[in-house]
Amino acid sequence: MNLRGRNKVNPNFNMSSMTDIVFLLLIFFMLTSTLVTVSAIDVLLPKAGGTTENKKSVAVTITNQSLYYIDKTKVSEGNLETELLKQVGSDKAKTVVIRGDKDVPYKNVMKIIDIANRNKLKMILAVKAN
């Protein structure tokens, strides 16, 4: 007498459906990551509500005529880095407060930010309180 069952279960697992799901997830995350970086471009900057008080600071002011001042002293664009480092001195705890007019081109503010980054100085962008 033959006691074996007629229905045999196949022990192999089919991986094609699993790979389809993995590729769909990969495509989904690739598309959403590109959309996240594109939407970050359209940003409205808020006004500041608080004030910052720091007695160890050096103010760099940029007027709308692109004139640079370090603590009320007029400085040429070429001597900006050397004069700023003279004002900061060896005290790296001093903070550079960047005060730019609202009509100043962004590249002029970036010059000061680049100088502060090169010399590892702390910096604050000054804004008008509400």
Protein backbone atom coordinates (compact mmCIF):
# COMPACT_ATOMS: atom_id res chain seq x y z
CA MET A 1 0.00 0.00 0.00
CA ASN A 2 1.25 3.49 -0.94
CA LEU A 3 0.82 5.88 2.03
CA ARG A 4 2.47 8.97 0.53
CA GLY A 5 0.33 12.00 -0.03
CA ARG A 6 -0.38 13.28 -3.47
CA ASN A 7 0.16 16.98 -2.62
CA LYS A 8 3.81 17.76 -2.25
CA VAL A 9 4.87 21.20 -1.00
CA ASN A 10 7.68 22.82 -2.94
CA PRO A 11 10.30 23.99 -0.36
CA ASN A 12 11.86 26.57 -2.74
CA PHE A 13 11.07 30.26 -2.21
CA ASN A 14 10.48 32.47 -5.25
CA MET A 15 12.59 35.65 -4.87
CA SER A 16 11.30 37.50 -7.94
CA SER A 17 8.42 39.17 -6.09
CA MET A 18 10.77 40.22 -3.27
CA THR A 19 13.21 41.85 -5.70
CA ASP A 20 10.32 43.69 -7.38
CA ILE A 21 9.31 45.20 -4.07
CA VAL A 22 12.90 46.21 -3.26
CA PHE A 23 13.34 47.94 -6.62
CA LEU A 24 10.02 49.77 -6.24
CA LEU A 25 11.09 51.03 -2.81
CA LEU A 26 14.45 52.08 -4.19
CA ILE A 27 12.82 54.08 -6.99
CA PHE A 28 10.35 55.64 -4.54
CA PHE A 29 13.09 56.85 -2.18
CA MET A 30 15.24 58.12 -5.04
CA LEU A 31 12.36 60.22 -6.39
CA THR A 32 11.29 61.58 -3.02
CA SER A 33 14.85 62.53 -2.04
CA THR A 34 15.20 64.68 -5.18
CA LEU A 35 11.87 66.38 -4.47
CA VAL A 36 12.92 67.22 -0.93
CA THR A 37 16.05 69.06 -2.05
CA VAL A 38 14.18 71.00 -4.75
CA SER A 39 11.49 72.21 -2.33
CA ALA A 40 14.16 73.52 0.09
CA ILE A 41 15.00 76.32 -2.35
CA ASP A 42 11.76 78.26 -1.81
CA VAL A 43 12.32 79.64 1.71
CA LEU A 44 10.96 82.71 3.49
CA LEU A 45 13.31 83.93 6.17
CA PRO A 46 11.63 84.92 9.46
CA LYS A 47 12.19 88.05 11.49
CA ALA A 48 13.93 87.59 14.80
CA GLY A 49 11.96 88.04 17.99
CA GLY A 50 14.75 87.90 20.57
CA THR A 51 17.93 89.79 21.18
CA THR A 52 21.45 88.51 21.65
CA GLU A 53 23.79 90.18 24.07
CA ASN A 54 27.44 89.36 23.81
CA LYS A 55 30.05 91.66 25.30
CA LYS A 56 32.86 89.85 23.50
CA SER A 57 31.91 90.74 19.96
CA VAL A 58 33.23 92.58 16.93
CA ALA A 59 30.62 94.19 14.67
CA VAL A 60 31.14 94.18 10.91
CA THR A 61 28.71 96.51 9.17
CA ILE A 62 28.01 96.60 5.43
CA THR A 63 26.18 99.65 4.10
CA ASN A 64 23.96 99.67 1.02
CA GLN A 65 26.87 101.34 -0.89
CA SER A 66 28.98 98.21 -0.11
CA LEU A 67 31.18 100.03 2.40
CA TYR A 68 32.64 97.93 5.21
CA TYR A 69 32.98 99.07 8.83
CA ILE A 70 34.53 97.20 11.73
CA ASP A 71 33.19 98.72 14.98
CA LYS A 72 32.62 102.19 13.39
CA THR A 73 36.00 102.17 11.60
CA LYS A 74 35.83 102.25 7.81
CA VAL A 75 37.82 99.41 6.21
CA SER A 76 38.58 98.73 2.57
CA GLU A 77 37.46 95.43 1.09
CA GLY A 78 41.06 94.28 0.56
CA ASN A 79 42.07 94.88 4.19
CA LEU A 80 38.89 93.42 5.65
CA GLU A 81 40.38 90.11 6.78
CA THR A 82 43.53 91.55 8.33
CA GLU A 83 41.65 94.28 10.20
CA LEU A 84 39.05 91.81 11.45
CA LEU A 85 41.78 89.50 12.75
CA LYS A 86 43.45 92.49 14.46
CA GLN A 87 40.19 93.34 16.22
CA VAL A 88 39.58 89.74 17.31
CA GLY A 89 43.19 89.26 18.32
CA SER A 90 44.09 86.00 20.05
CA ASP A 91 40.68 85.76 21.76
CA LYS A 92 38.88 83.20 19.59
CA ALA A 93 35.87 83.39 21.95
CA LYS A 94 34.90 86.73 20.39
CA THR A 95 31.91 86.65 18.12
CA VAL A 96 31.70 88.43 14.76
CA VAL A 97 28.33 90.18 14.45
CA ILE A 98 27.50 90.67 10.77
CA ARG A 99 25.26 93.68 10.27
CA GLY A 100 24.28 93.96 6.64
CA ASP A 101 21.84 96.44 5.15
CA LYS A 102 18.77 94.75 3.68
CA ASP A 103 19.72 95.93 0.16
CA VAL A 104 23.30 94.63 0.31
CA PRO A 105 24.11 91.94 -2.29
CA TYR A 106 24.40 88.49 -0.77
CA LYS A 107 27.96 88.05 -2.05
CA ASN A 108 29.17 90.88 0.22
CA VAL A 109 27.78 89.13 3.30
CA MET A 110 29.30 85.86 2.11
CA LYS A 111 32.77 87.48 2.01
CA ILE A 112 32.58 88.06 5.76
CA ILE A 113 31.16 84.60 6.40
CA ASP A 114 34.03 83.07 4.39
CA ILE A 115 36.59 85.07 6.39
CA ALA A 116 35.02 83.89 9.66
CA ASN A 117 34.93 80.26 8.49
CA ARG A 118 38.56 80.31 7.33
CA ASN A 119 39.70 81.64 10.68
CA LYS A 120 37.29 79.49 12.74
CA LEU A 121 35.49 82.47 14.27
CA LYS A 122 31.98 82.39 15.69
CA MET A 123 29.52 84.61 13.85
CA ILE A 124 26.02 85.97 14.22
CA LEU A 125 23.83 87.56 11.56
CA ALA A 126 22.14 90.61 13.04
CA VAL A 127 18.47 91.16 12.19
CA LYS A 128 15.89 93.75 13.08
CA ALA A 129 13.68 92.76 16.02
CA ASN A 130 9.92 92.84 15.52
